[in-house]
Amino acid sequence: MHLNIAKEFLKGAEVALANELYRVAAANAYYAMFWAAQAALRQVGAVCEEWSHGGLQYTVGLELIKKRAILARQMGEWFAATYDLRRKAHYDADGVGAKVTRRTVQHAREFLAKVEEVMGK
């Protein structure tokens, strides 16, 4: 279920990017990673009813990167950077640029692909 939600947000990010809706693309890229991270954590038994953004980032770092080495440290950095970009997209009048948004959507694709690989999907 969580993985399907991640895929839906990734598709939304890709559609928004194709239509030059950079704020929407950045936000959806983050939520694709947010839900993919939850799916990966569930796979290793780290379940929470309702994750805060910071709590999820911390637990991804601890459980999936540090303890189990399931994700590369770089993916944790992408996750944190994508959260920051999502905040900028939502709350900064200057918005986000095309180049950083394209890179972020690509990072979300790679993050989701790695989670699918780890989960055997």
PDB file of N, CA and C in Angstrom:
ATOM      1  N   MET A   1       0.822  -1.193   0.000  1.00  0.00           N
ATOM      2  CA  MET A   1       0.000   0.000   0.000  1.00  0.00           C
ATOM      3  C   MET A   1       0.870   1.262   0.000  1.00  0.00           C
ATOM      4  N   HIS A   2       1.846   1.343   0.920  1.00  0.00           N
ATOM      5  CA  HIS A   2       2.700   2.526   0.994  1.00  0.00           C
ATOM      6  C   HIS A   2       3.482   2.733  -0.303  1.00  0.00           C
ATOM      7  N   LEU A   3       3.915   1.631  -0.893  1.00  0.00           N
ATOM      8  CA  LEU A   3       4.671   1.718  -2.138  1.00  0.00           C
ATOM      9  C   LEU A   3       3.788   2.238  -3.278  1.00  0.00           C
ATOM     10  N   ASN A   4       2.537   1.826  -3.296  1.00  0.00           N
ATOM     11  CA  ASN A   4       1.611   2.326  -4.322  1.00  0.00           C
ATOM     12  C   ASN A   4       1.372   3.827  -4.178  1.00  0.00           C
ATOM     13  N   ILE A   5       1.292   4.288  -2.941  1.00  0.00           N
ATOM     14  CA  ILE A   5       1.129   5.724  -2.706  1.00  0.00           C
ATOM     15  C   ILE A   5       2.373   6.464  -3.200  1.00  0.00           C
ATOM     16  N   ALA A   6       3.546   5.906  -2.920  1.00  0.00           N
ATOM     17  CA  ALA A   6       4.800   6.509  -3.389  1.00  0.00           C
ATOM     18  C   ALA A   6       4.812   6.609  -4.915  1.00  0.00           C
ATOM     19  N   LYS A   7       4.380   5.556  -5.574  1.00  0.00           N
ATOM     20  CA  LYS A   7       4.347   5.553  -7.044  1.00  0.00           C
ATOM     21  C   LYS A   7       3.381   6.607  -7.580  1.00  0.00           C
ATOM     22  N   GLU A   8       2.258   6.775  -6.903  1.00  0.00           N
ATOM     23  CA  GLU A   8       1.285   7.782  -7.324  1.00  0.00           C
ATOM     24  C   GLU A   8       1.882   9.187  -7.217  1.00  0.00           C
ATOM     25  N   PHE A   9       2.559   9.465  -6.110  1.00  0.00           N
ATOM     26  CA  PHE A   9       3.191  10.776  -5.958  1.00  0.00           C
ATOM     27  C   PHE A   9       4.312  10.973  -6.977  1.00  0.00           C
ATOM     28  N   LEU A  10       5.066   9.923  -7.273  1.00  0.00           N
ATOM     29  CA  LEU A  10       6.127  10.048  -8.268  1.00  0.00           C
ATOM     30  C   LEU A  10       5.533  10.362  -9.645  1.00  0.00           C
ATOM     31  N   LYS A  11       4.458   9.681  -9.974  1.00  0.00           N
ATOM     32  CA  LYS A  11       3.801   9.963 -11.256  1.00  0.00           C
ATOM     33  C   LYS A  11       3.319  11.411 -11.297  1.00  0.00           C
ATOM     34  N   GLY A  12       2.768  11.875 -10.192  1.00  0.00           N
ATOM     35  CA  GLY A  12       2.342  13.275 -10.110  1.00  0.00           C
ATOM     36  C   GLY A  12       3.506  14.232 -10.291  1.00  0.00           C
ATOM     37  N   ALA A  13       4.649  13.891  -9.713  1.00  0.00           N
ATOM     38  CA  ALA A  13       5.850  14.725  -9.862  1.00  0.00           C
ATOM     39  C   ALA A  13       6.290  14.774 -11.316  1.00  0.00           C
ATOM     40  N   GLU A  14       6.244  13.635 -11.974  1.00  0.00           N
ATOM     41  CA  GLU A  14       6.670  13.570 -13.378  1.00  0.00           C
ATOM     42  C   GLU A  14       5.730  14.359 -14.290  1.00  0.00           C
ATOM     43  N   VAL A  15       4.436  14.250 -14.055  1.00  0.00           N
ATOM     44  CA  VAL A  15       3.456  15.002 -14.847  1.00  0.00           C
ATOM     45  C   VAL A  15       3.633  16.503 -14.604  1.00  0.00           C
ATOM     46  N   ALA A  16       3.798  16.879 -13.346  1.00  0.00           N
ATOM     47  CA  ALA A  16       3.995  18.294 -13.022  1.00  0.00           C
ATOM     48  C   ALA A  16       5.278  18.825 -13.656  1.00  0.00           C
ATOM     49  N   LEU A  17       6.341  18.045 -13.597  1.00  0.00           N
ATOM     50  CA  LEU A  17       7.610  18.461 -14.194  1.00  0.00           C
ATOM     51  C   LEU A  17       7.462  18.661 -15.703  1.00  0.00           C
ATOM     52  N   ALA A  18       6.791  17.733 -16.351  1.00  0.00           N
ATOM     53  CA  ALA A  18       6.581  17.832 -17.800  1.00  0.00           C
ATOM     54  C   ALA A  18       5.790  19.082 -18.171  1.00  0.00           C
ATOM     55  N   ASN A  19       4.992  19.560 -17.235  1.00  0.00           N
ATOM     56  CA  ASN A  19       4.170  20.747 -17.472  1.00  0.00           C
ATOM     57  C   ASN A  19       4.757  22.005 -16.825  1.00  0.00           C
ATOM     58  N   GLU A  20       6.013  21.918 -16.422  1.00  0.00           N
ATOM     59  CA  GLU A  20       6.748  23.041 -15.825  1.00  0.00           C
ATOM     60  C   GLU A  20       6.092  23.583 -14.561  1.00  0.00           C
ATOM     61  N   LEU A  21       5.443  22.713 -13.814  1.00  0.00           N
ATOM     62  CA  LEU A  21       4.847  23.060 -12.521  1.00  0.00           C
ATOM     63  C   LEU A  21       5.851  22.643 -11.447  1.00  0.00           C
ATOM     64  N   TYR A  22       6.889  23.445 -11.289  1.00  0.00           N
ATOM     65  CA  TYR A  22       8.035  23.040 -10.482  1.00  0.00           C
ATOM     66  C   TYR A  22       7.720  22.916  -8.997  1.00  0.00           C
ATOM     67  N   ARG A  23       6.888  23.782  -8.475  1.00  0.00           N
ATOM     68  CA  ARG A  23       6.509  23.667  -7.058  1.00  0.00           C
ATOM     69  C   ARG A  23       5.802  22.328  -6.809  1.00  0.00           C
ATOM     70  N   VAL A  24       4.872  22.020  -7.667  1.00  0.00           N
ATOM     71  CA  VAL A  24       4.093  20.782  -7.528  1.00  0.00           C
ATOM     72  C   VAL A  24       5.001  19.567  -7.713  1.00  0.00           C
ATOM     73  N   ALA A  25       5.893  19.630  -8.681  1.00  0.00           N
ATOM     74  CA  ALA A  25       6.813  18.520  -8.934  1.00  0.00           C
ATOM     75  C   ALA A  25       7.719  18.280  -7.733  1.00  0.00           C
ATOM     76  N   ALA A  26       8.254  19.355  -7.162  1.00  0.00           N
ATOM     77  CA  ALA A  26       9.148  19.221  -6.004  1.00  0.00           C
ATOM     78  C   ALA A  26       8.410  18.625  -4.811  1.00  0.00           C
ATOM     79  N   ALA A  27       7.215  19.119  -4.554  1.00  0.00           N
ATOM     80  CA  ALA A  27       6.436  18.613  -3.420  1.00  0.00           C
ATOM     81  C   ALA A  27       6.084  17.141  -3.616  1.00  0.00           C
ATOM     82  N   ASN A  28       5.646  16.783  -4.809  1.00  0.00           N
ATOM     83  CA  ASN A  28       5.281  15.391  -5.062  1.00  0.00           C
ATOM     84  C   ASN A  28       6.491  14.470  -5.038  1.00  0.00           C
ATOM     85  N   ALA A  29       7.643  14.955  -5.473  1.00  0.00           N
ATOM     86  CA  ALA A  29       8.866  14.146  -5.392  1.00  0.00           C
ATOM     87  C   ALA A  29       9.176  13.827  -3.933  1.00  0.00           C
ATOM     88  N   TYR A  30       9.020  14.824  -3.069  1.00  0.00           N
ATOM     89  CA  TYR A  30       9.259  14.576  -1.643  1.00  0.00           C
ATOM     90  C   TYR A  30       8.280  13.531  -1.109  1.00  0.00           C
ATOM     91  N   TYR A  31       7.008  13.681  -1.422  1.00  0.00           N
ATOM     92  CA  TYR A  31       6.033  12.733  -0.884  1.00  0.00           C
ATOM     93  C   TYR A  31       6.210  11.327  -1.461  1.00  0.00           C
ATOM     94  N   ALA A  32       6.726  11.217  -2.666  1.00  0.00           N
ATOM     95  CA  ALA A  32       7.077   9.892  -3.198  1.00  0.00           C
ATOM     96  C   ALA A  32       8.141   9.252  -2.313  1.00  0.00           C
ATOM     97  N   MET A  33       9.141  10.036  -1.933  1.00  0.00           N
ATOM     98  CA  MET A  33      10.199   9.522  -1.064  1.00  0.00           C
ATOM     99  C   MET A  33       9.671   9.249   0.346  1.00  0.00           C
ATOM    100  N   PHE A  34       8.810  10.121   0.838  1.00  0.00           N
ATOM    101  CA  PHE A  34       8.216   9.983   2.168  1.00  0.00           C
ATOM    102  C   PHE A  34       7.498   8.640   2.303  1.00  0.00           C
ATOM    103  N   TRP A  35       6.671   8.312   1.306  1.00  0.00           N
ATOM    104  CA  TRP A  35       5.918   7.056   1.358  1.00  0.00           C
ATOM    105  C   TRP A  35       6.798   5.842   1.061  1.00  0.00           C
ATOM    106  N   ALA A  36       7.767   6.000   0.178  1.00  0.00           N
ATOM    107  CA  ALA A  36       8.699   4.898  -0.097  1.00  0.00           C
ATOM    108  C   ALA A  36       9.522   4.586   1.145  1.00  0.00           C
ATOM    109  N   ALA A  37       9.929   5.614   1.865  1.00  0.00           N
ATOM    110  CA  ALA A  37      10.696   5.409   3.094  1.00  0.00           C
ATOM    111  C   ALA A  37       9.870   4.633   4.114  1.00  0.00           C
ATOM    112  N   GLN A  38       8.597   4.971   4.235  1.00  0.00           N
ATOM    113  CA  GLN A  38       7.729   4.241   5.162  1.00  0.00           C
ATOM    114  C   GLN A  38       7.599   2.775   4.752  1.00  0.00           C
ATOM    115  N   ALA A  39       7.483   2.529   3.456  1.00  0.00           N
ATOM    116  CA  ALA A  39       7.390   1.147   2.968  1.00  0.00           C
ATOM    117  C   ALA A  39       8.651   0.370   3.331  1.00  0.00           C
ATOM    118  N   ALA A  40       9.806   0.983   3.121  1.00  0.00           N
ATOM    119  CA  ALA A  40      11.072   0.310   3.437  1.00  0.00           C
ATOM    120  C   ALA A  40      11.195   0.052   4.931  1.00  0.00           C
ATOM    121  N   LEU A  41      10.797   1.010   5.738  1.00  0.00           N
ATOM    122  CA  LEU A  41      10.871   0.826   7.190  1.00  0.00           C
ATOM    123  C   LEU A  41       9.923  -0.270   7.660  1.00  0.00           C
ATOM    124  N   ARG A  42       8.743  -0.336   7.075  1.00  0.00           N
ATOM    125  CA  ARG A  42       7.816  -1.417   7.425  1.00  0.00           C
ATOM    126  C   ARG A  42       8.428  -2.780   7.113  1.00  0.00           C
ATOM    127  N   GLN A  43       9.160  -2.836   6.011  1.00  0.00           N
ATOM    128  CA  GLN A  43       9.806  -4.086   5.593  1.00  0.00           C
ATOM    129  C   GLN A  43      10.767  -4.599   6.664  1.00  0.00           C
ATOM    130  N   VAL A  44      11.405  -3.676   7.398  1.00  0.00           N
ATOM    131  CA  VAL A  44      12.370  -4.082   8.432  1.00  0.00           C
ATOM    132  C   VAL A  44      11.759  -4.048   9.831  1.00  0.00           C
ATOM    133  N   GLY A  45      10.432  -3.838   9.901  1.00  0.00           N
ATOM    134  CA  GLY A  45       9.739  -3.895  11.179  1.00  0.00           C
ATOM    135  C   GLY A  45       9.670  -2.588  11.945  1.00  0.00           C
ATOM    136  N   ALA A  46      10.064  -1.501  11.336  1.00  0.00           N
ATOM    137  CA  ALA A  46       9.989  -0.186  11.984  1.00  0.00           C
ATOM    138  C   ALA A  46       8.695   0.486  11.536  1.00  0.00           C
ATOM    139  N   VAL A  47       7.664   0.325  12.342  1.00  0.00           N
ATOM    140  CA  VAL A  47       6.333   0.797  11.974  1.00  0.00           C
ATOM    141  C   VAL A  47       5.910   1.896  12.946  1.00  0.00           C
ATOM    142  N   CYS A  48       5.290   2.919  12.408  1.00  0.00           N
ATOM    143  CA  CYS A  48       4.763   4.014  13.219  1.00  0.00           C
ATOM    144  C   CYS A  48       3.409   4.398  12.634  1.00  0.00           C
ATOM    145  N   GLU A  49       2.443   4.642  13.491  1.00  0.00           N
ATOM    146  CA  GLU A  49       1.105   5.029  13.021  1.00  0.00           C
ATOM    147  C   GLU A  49       1.150   6.313  12.204  1.00  0.00           C
ATOM    148  N   GLU A  50       1.872   7.301  12.706  1.00  0.00           N
ATOM    149  CA  GLU A  50       1.919   8.600  12.034  1.00  0.00           C
ATOM    150  C   GLU A  50       3.315   9.195  12.191  1.00  0.00           C
ATOM    151  N   TRP A  51       4.044   9.265  11.098  1.00  0.00           N
ATOM    152  CA  TRP A  51       5.411   9.776  11.116  1.00  0.00           C
ATOM    153  C   TRP A  51       5.427  11.293  10.996  1.00  0.00           C
ATOM    154  N   SER A  52       6.274  11.933  11.787  1.00  0.00           N
ATOM    155  CA  SER A  52       6.598  13.336  11.522  1.00  0.00           C
ATOM    156  C   SER A  52       7.674  13.324  10.439  1.00  0.00           C
ATOM    157  N   HIS A  53       7.847  14.431   9.771  1.00  0.00           N
ATOM    158  CA  HIS A  53       8.869  14.486   8.722  1.00  0.00           C
ATOM    159  C   HIS A  53      10.256  14.253   9.315  1.00  0.00           C
ATOM    160  N   GLY A  54      10.546  14.936  10.408  1.00  0.00           N
ATOM    161  CA  GLY A  54      11.845  14.783  11.056  1.00  0.00           C
ATOM    162  C   GLY A  54      12.044  13.390  11.622  1.00  0.00           C
ATOM    163  N   GLY A  55      11.001  12.838  12.205  1.00  0.00           N
ATOM    164  CA  GLY A  55      11.091  11.492  12.768  1.00  0.00           C
ATOM    165  C   GLY A  55      11.350  10.446  11.705  1.00  0.00           C
ATOM    166  N   LEU A  56      10.710  10.605  10.569  1.00  0.00           N
ATOM    167  CA  LEU A  56      10.918   9.663   9.470  1.00  0.00           C
ATOM    168  C   LEU A  56      12.336   9.787   8.927  1.00  0.00           C
ATOM    169  N   GLN A  57      12.804  11.018   8.743  1.00  0.00           N
ATOM    170  CA  GLN A  57      14.171  11.208   8.253  1.00  0.00           C
ATOM    171  C   GLN A  57      15.184  10.596   9.215  1.00  0.00           C
ATOM    172  N   TYR A  58      14.988  10.830  10.504  1.00  0.00           N
ATOM    173  CA  TYR A  58      15.900  10.281  11.510  1.00  0.00           C
ATOM    174  C   TYR A  58      15.901   8.752  11.467  1.00  0.00           C
ATOM    175  N   THR A  59      14.725   8.159  11.399  1.00  0.00           N
ATOM    176  CA  THR A  59      14.615   6.703  11.423  1.00  0.00           C
ATOM    177  C   THR A  59      15.161   6.080  10.145  1.00  0.00           C
ATOM    178  N   VAL A  60      14.978   6.726   9.014  1.00  0.00           N
ATOM    179  CA  VAL A  60      15.594   6.251   7.769  1.00  0.00           C
ATOM    180  C   VAL A  60      17.106   6.224   7.946  1.00  0.00           C
ATOM    181  N   GLY A  61      17.655   7.310   8.483  1.00  0.00           N
ATOM    182  CA  GLY A  61      19.097   7.371   8.706  1.00  0.00           C
ATOM    183  C   GLY A  61      19.587   6.287   9.637  1.00  0.00           C
ATOM    184  N   LEU A  62      18.869   6.080  10.719  1.00  0.00           N
ATOM    185  CA  LEU A  62      19.283   5.094  11.716  1.00  0.00           C
ATOM    186  C   LEU A  62      19.081   3.664  11.228  1.00  0.00           C
ATOM    187  N   GLU A  63      17.878   3.341  10.805  1.00  0.00           N
ATOM    188  CA  GLU A  63      17.530   1.954  10.489  1.00  0.00           C
ATOM    189  C   GLU A  63      17.974   1.494   9.100  1.00  0.00           C
ATOM    190  N   LEU A  64      17.812   2.346   8.100  1.00  0.00           N
ATOM    191  CA  LEU A  64      18.063   1.911   6.724  1.00  0.00           C
ATOM    192  C   LEU A  64      19.466   2.238   6.230  1.00  0.00           C
ATOM    193  N   ILE A  65      20.089   3.232   6.837  1.00  0.00           N
ATOM    194  CA  ILE A  65      21.428   3.620   6.392  1.00  0.00           C
ATOM    195  C   ILE A  65      22.487   3.144   7.383  1.00  0.00           C
ATOM    196  N   LYS A  66      22.367   3.550   8.629  1.00  0.00           N
ATOM    197  CA  LYS A  66      23.410   3.246   9.617  1.00  0.00           C
ATOM    198  C   LYS A  66      23.403   1.782  10.068  1.00  0.00           C
ATOM    199  N   LYS A  67      22.279   1.299  10.563  1.00  0.00           N
ATOM    200  CA  LYS A  67      22.212  -0.068  11.111  1.00  0.00           C
ATOM    201  C   LYS A  67      22.264  -1.150  10.041  1.00  0.00           C
ATOM    202  N   ARG A  68      21.464  -1.003   9.001  1.00  0.00           N
ATOM    203  CA  ARG A  68      21.293  -2.097   8.038  1.00  0.00           C
ATOM    204  C   ARG A  68      21.990  -1.872   6.698  1.00  0.00           C
ATOM    205  N   ALA A  69      22.434  -0.665   6.433  1.00  0.00           N
ATOM    206  CA  ALA A  69      23.099  -0.322   5.159  1.00  0.00           C
ATOM    207  C   ALA A  69      22.267  -0.743   3.940  1.00  0.00           C
ATOM    208  N   ILE A  70      20.957  -0.575   4.056  1.00  0.00           N
ATOM    209  CA  ILE A  70      20.046  -0.892   2.954  1.00  0.00           C
ATOM    210  C   ILE A  70      20.076   0.225   1.916  1.00  0.00           C
ATOM    211  N   LEU A  71      20.124   1.452   2.388  1.00  0.00           N
ATOM    212  CA  LEU A  71      20.210   2.614   1.509  1.00  0.00           C
ATOM    213  C   LEU A  71      21.582   3.258   1.666  1.00  0.00           C
ATOM    214  N   ALA A  72      22.067   3.817   0.590  1.00  0.00           N
ATOM    215  CA  ALA A  72      23.328   4.560   0.641  1.00  0.00           C
ATOM    216  C   ALA A  72      23.112   5.869   1.400  1.00  0.00           C
ATOM    217  N   ARG A  73      24.160   6.341   2.050  1.00  0.00           N
ATOM    218  CA  ARG A  73      24.079   7.596   2.792  1.00  0.00           C
ATOM    219  C   ARG A  73      23.590   8.732   1.884  1.00  0.00           C
ATOM    220  N   GLN A  74      24.013   8.695   0.635  1.00  0.00           N
ATOM    221  CA  GLN A  74      23.607   9.721  -0.323  1.00  0.00           C
ATOM    222  C   GLN A  74      22.086   9.794  -0.451  1.00  0.00           C
ATOM    223  N   MET A  75      21.416   8.660  -0.357  1.00  0.00           N
ATOM    224  CA  MET A  75      19.954   8.657  -0.463  1.00  0.00           C
ATOM    225  C   MET A  75      19.322   9.344   0.741  1.00  0.00           C
ATOM    226  N   GLY A  76      19.926   9.191   1.899  1.00  0.00           N
ATOM    227  CA  GLY A  76      19.462   9.925   3.069  1.00  0.00           C
ATOM    228  C   GLY A  76      19.627  11.423   2.882  1.00  0.00           C
ATOM    229  N   GLU A  77      20.737  11.808   2.266  1.00  0.00           N
ATOM    230  CA  GLU A  77      20.972  13.222   1.968  1.00  0.00           C
ATOM    231  C   GLU A  77      19.947  13.736   0.963  1.00  0.00           C
ATOM    232  N   TRP A  78      19.637  12.928  -0.043  1.00  0.00           N
ATOM    233  CA  TRP A  78      18.612  13.313  -1.018  1.00  0.00           C
ATOM    234  C   TRP A  78      17.265  13.517  -0.335  1.00  0.00           C
ATOM    235  N   PHE A  79      16.931  12.601   0.563  1.00  0.00           N
ATOM    236  CA  PHE A  79      15.651  12.669   1.264  1.00  0.00           C
ATOM    237  C   PHE A  79      15.555  13.978   2.051  1.00  0.00           C
ATOM    238  N   ALA A  80      16.607  14.321   2.772  1.00  0.00           N
ATOM    239  CA  ALA A  80      16.620  15.567   3.547  1.00  0.00           C
ATOM    240  C   ALA A  80      16.561  16.788   2.627  1.00  0.00           C
ATOM    241  N   ALA A  81      17.323  16.776   1.551  1.00  0.00           N
ATOM    242  CA  ALA A  81      17.337  17.908   0.617  1.00  0.00           C
ATOM    243  C   ALA A  81      15.983  18.074  -0.066  1.00  0.00           C
ATOM    244  N   THR A  82      15.338  16.959  -0.363  1.00  0.00           N
ATOM    245  CA  THR A  82      14.028  17.013  -1.015  1.00  0.00           C
ATOM    246  C   THR A  82      12.981  17.575  -0.064  1.00  0.00           C
ATOM    247  N   TYR A  83      13.110  17.254   1.219  1.00  0.00           N
ATOM    248  CA  TYR A  83      12.213  17.855   2.214  1.00  0.00           C
ATOM    249  C   TYR A  83      12.395  19.371   2.229  1.00  0.00           C
ATOM    250  N   ASP A  84      13.643  19.821   2.239  1.00  0.00           N
ATOM    251  CA  ASP A  84      13.913  21.264   2.236  1.00  0.00           C
ATOM    252  C   ASP A  84      13.345  21.929   0.983  1.00  0.00           C
ATOM    253  N   LEU A  85      13.484  21.262  -0.154  1.00  0.00           N
ATOM    254  CA  LEU A  85      12.956  21.812  -1.402  1.00  0.00           C
ATOM    255  C   LEU A  85      11.429  21.856  -1.369  1.00  0.00           C
ATOM    256  N   ARG A  86      10.819  20.840  -0.796  1.00  0.00           N
ATOM    257  CA  ARG A  86       9.357  20.830  -0.666  1.00  0.00           C
ATOM    258  C   ARG A  86       8.894  22.011   0.180  1.00  0.00           C
ATOM    259  N   ARG A  87       9.604  22.276   1.273  1.00  0.00           N
ATOM    260  CA  ARG A  87       9.254  23.430   2.115  1.00  0.00           C
ATOM    261  C   ARG A  87       9.395  24.732   1.333  1.00  0.00           C
ATOM    262  N   LYS A  88      10.469  24.843   0.569  1.00  0.00           N
ATOM    263  CA  LYS A  88      10.679  26.044  -0.247  1.00  0.00           C
ATOM    264  C   LYS A  88       9.566  26.180  -1.288  1.00  0.00           C
ATOM    265  N   ALA A  89       9.197  25.073  -1.907  1.00  0.00           N
ATOM    266  CA  ALA A  89       8.130  25.090  -2.914  1.00  0.00           C
ATOM    267  C   ALA A  89       6.810  25.561  -2.315  1.00  0.00           C
ATOM    268  N   HIS A  90       6.538  25.152  -1.093  1.00  0.00           N
ATOM    269  CA  HIS A  90       5.273  25.508  -0.455  1.00  0.00           C
ATOM    270  C   HIS A  90       5.264  26.911   0.136  1.00  0.00           C
ATOM    271  N   TYR A  91       6.401  27.364   0.671  1.00  0.00           N
ATOM    272  CA  TYR A  91       6.370  28.566   1.504  1.00  0.00           C
ATOM    273  C   TYR A  91       7.226  29.734   1.026  1.00  0.00           C
ATOM    274  N   ASP A  92       8.054  29.545   0.024  1.00  0.00           N
ATOM    275  CA  ASP A  92       8.936  30.613  -0.452  1.00  0.00           C
ATOM    276  C   ASP A  92       8.358  31.202  -1.737  1.00  0.00           C
ATOM    277  N   ALA A  93       8.116  32.495  -1.731  1.00  0.00           N
ATOM    278  CA  ALA A  93       7.529  33.151  -2.906  1.00  0.00           C
ATOM    279  C   ALA A  93       8.408  33.014  -4.145  1.00  0.00           C
ATOM    280  N   ASP A  94       9.709  32.845  -3.950  1.00  0.00           N
ATOM    281  CA  ASP A  94      10.613  32.680  -5.092  1.00  0.00           C
ATOM    282  C   ASP A  94      10.485  31.302  -5.731  1.00  0.00           C
ATOM    283  N   GLY A  95       9.905  30.371  -5.016  1.00  0.00           N
ATOM    284  CA  GLY A  95       9.689  29.033  -5.565  1.00  0.00           C
ATOM    285  C   GLY A  95      10.964  28.235  -5.756  1.00  0.00           C
ATOM    286  N   VAL A  96      10.926  27.321  -6.703  1.00  0.00           N
ATOM    287  CA  VAL A  96      12.052  26.427  -6.979  1.00  0.00           C
ATOM    288  C   VAL A  96      12.341  26.464  -8.477  1.00  0.00           C
ATOM    289  N   GLY A  97      13.585  26.217  -8.828  1.00  0.00           N
ATOM    290  CA  GLY A  97      13.985  26.279 -10.226  1.00  0.00           C
ATOM    291  C   GLY A  97      13.800  24.970 -10.963  1.00  0.00           C
ATOM    292  N   ALA A  98      13.858  25.069 -12.272  1.00  0.00           N
ATOM    293  CA  ALA A  98      13.677  23.904 -13.137  1.00  0.00           C
ATOM    294  C   ALA A  98      14.784  22.874 -12.931  1.00  0.00           C
ATOM    295  N   LYS A  99      16.037  23.326 -12.893  1.00  0.00           N
ATOM    296  CA  LYS A  99      17.169  22.405 -12.817  1.00  0.00           C
ATOM    297  C   LYS A  99      17.148  21.586 -11.523  1.00  0.00           C
ATOM    298  N   VAL A 100      16.978  22.261 -10.399  1.00  0.00           N
ATOM    299  CA  VAL A 100      16.967  21.551  -9.118  1.00  0.00           C
ATOM    300  C   VAL A 100      15.752  20.631  -9.027  1.00  0.00           C
ATOM    301  N   THR A 101      14.641  21.042  -9.613  1.00  0.00           N
ATOM    302  CA  THR A 101      13.443  20.204  -9.571  1.00  0.00           C
ATOM    303  C   THR A 101      13.623  18.959 -10.431  1.00  0.00           C
ATOM    304  N   ARG A 102      14.215  19.111 -11.606  1.00  0.00           N
ATOM    305  CA  ARG A 102      14.482  17.928 -12.445  1.00  0.00           C
ATOM    306  C   ARG A 102      15.389  16.937 -11.708  1.00  0.00           C
ATOM    307  N   ARG A 103      16.430  17.455 -11.085  1.00  0.00           N
ATOM    308  CA  ARG A 103      17.351  16.596 -10.334  1.00  0.00           C
ATOM    309  C   ARG A 103      16.625  15.907  -9.174  1.00  0.00           C
ATOM    310  N   THR A 104      15.760  16.645  -8.501  1.00  0.00           N
ATOM    311  CA  THR A 104      15.022  16.099  -7.362  1.00  0.00           C
ATOM    312  C   THR A 104      14.064  14.995  -7.791  1.00  0.00           C
ATOM    313  N   VAL A 105      13.377  15.188  -8.892  1.00  0.00           N
ATOM    314  CA  VAL A 105      12.474  14.145  -9.389  1.00  0.00           C
ATOM    315  C   VAL A 105      13.289  12.905  -9.762  1.00  0.00           C
ATOM    316  N   GLN A 106      14.452  13.092 -10.344  1.00  0.00           N
ATOM    317  CA  GLN A 106      15.319  11.948 -10.657  1.00  0.00           C
ATOM    318  C   GLN A 106      15.753  11.231  -9.381  1.00  0.00           C
ATOM    319  N   HIS A 107      16.098  11.984  -8.352  1.00  0.00           N
ATOM    320  CA  HIS A 107      16.464  11.369  -7.073  1.00  0.00           C
ATOM    321  C   HIS A 107      15.293  10.572  -6.501  1.00  0.00           C
ATOM    322  N   ALA A 108      14.089  11.107  -6.623  1.00  0.00           N
ATOM    323  CA  ALA A 108      12.909  10.388  -6.135  1.00  0.00           C
ATOM    324  C   ALA A 108      12.723   9.085  -6.906  1.00  0.00           C
ATOM    325  N   ARG A 109      12.949   9.112  -8.218  1.00  0.00           N
ATOM    326  CA  ARG A 109      12.856   7.880  -9.028  1.00  0.00           C
ATOM    327  C   ARG A 109      13.848   6.836  -8.519  1.00  0.00           C
ATOM    328  N   GLU A 110      15.078   7.268  -8.312  1.00  0.00           N
ATOM    329  CA  GLU A 110      16.127   6.348  -7.864  1.00  0.00           C
ATOM    330  C   GLU A 110      15.853   5.827  -6.457  1.00  0.00           C
ATOM    331  N   PHE A 111      15.364   6.687  -5.585  1.00  0.00           N
ATOM    332  CA  PHE A 111      15.027   6.301  -4.217  1.00  0.00           C
ATOM    333  C   PHE A 111      13.940   5.229  -4.235  1.00  0.00           C
ATOM    334  N   LEU A 112      12.894   5.484  -5.000  1.00  0.00           N
ATOM    335  CA  LEU A 112      11.789   4.529  -5.097  1.00  0.00           C
ATOM    336  C   LEU A 112      12.254   3.219  -5.728  1.00  0.00           C
ATOM    337  N   ALA A 113      13.071   3.294  -6.758  1.00  0.00           N
ATOM    338  CA  ALA A 113      13.586   2.075  -7.402  1.00  0.00           C
ATOM    339  C   ALA A 113      14.405   1.248  -6.420  1.00  0.00           C
ATOM    340  N   LYS A 114      15.201   1.903  -5.589  1.00  0.00           N
ATOM    341  CA  LYS A 114      16.013   1.177  -4.603  1.00  0.00           C
ATOM    342  C   LYS A 114      15.116   0.514  -3.564  1.00  0.00           C
ATOM    343  N   VAL A 115      14.104   1.222  -3.119  1.00  0.00           N
ATOM    344  CA  VAL A 115      13.175   0.638  -2.143  1.00  0.00           C
ATOM    345  C   VAL A 115      12.460  -0.564  -2.758  1.00  0.00           C
ATOM    346  N   GLU A 116      12.031  -0.453  -3.999  1.00  0.00           N
ATOM    347  CA  GLU A 116      11.384  -1.589  -4.670  1.00  0.00           C
ATOM    348  C   GLU A 116      12.347  -2.772  -4.767  1.00  0.00           C
ATOM    349  N   GLU A 117      13.589  -2.498  -5.087  1.00  0.00           N
ATOM    350  CA  GLU A 117      14.602  -3.559  -5.179  1.00  0.00           C
ATOM    351  C   GLU A 117      14.781  -4.255  -3.833  1.00  0.00           C
ATOM    352  N   VAL A 118      14.885  -3.470  -2.792  1.00  0.00           N
ATOM    353  CA  VAL A 118      15.076  -4.012  -1.444  1.00  0.00           C
ATOM    354  C   VAL A 118      13.871  -4.849  -1.016  1.00  0.00           C
ATOM    355  N   MET A 119      12.695  -4.404  -1.411  1.00  0.00           N
ATOM    356  CA  MET A 119      11.470  -5.101  -1.028  1.00  0.00           C
ATOM    357  C   MET A 119      11.157  -6.267  -1.958  1.00  0.00           C
ATOM    358  N   GLY A 120      11.934  -6.427  -3.014  1.00  0.00           N
ATOM    359  CA  GLY A 120      11.694  -7.517  -3.951  1.00  0.00           C
ATOM    360  C   GLY A 120      10.473  -7.297  -4.811  1.00  0.00           C
ATOM    361  N   LYS A 121      10.154  -6.056  -5.095  1.00  0.00           N
ATOM    362  CA  LYS A 121       8.959  -5.723  -5.900  1.00  0.00           C
ATOM    363  C   LYS A 121       9.336  -5.490  -7.338  1.00  0.00           C
TER     364      LYS A 121
END
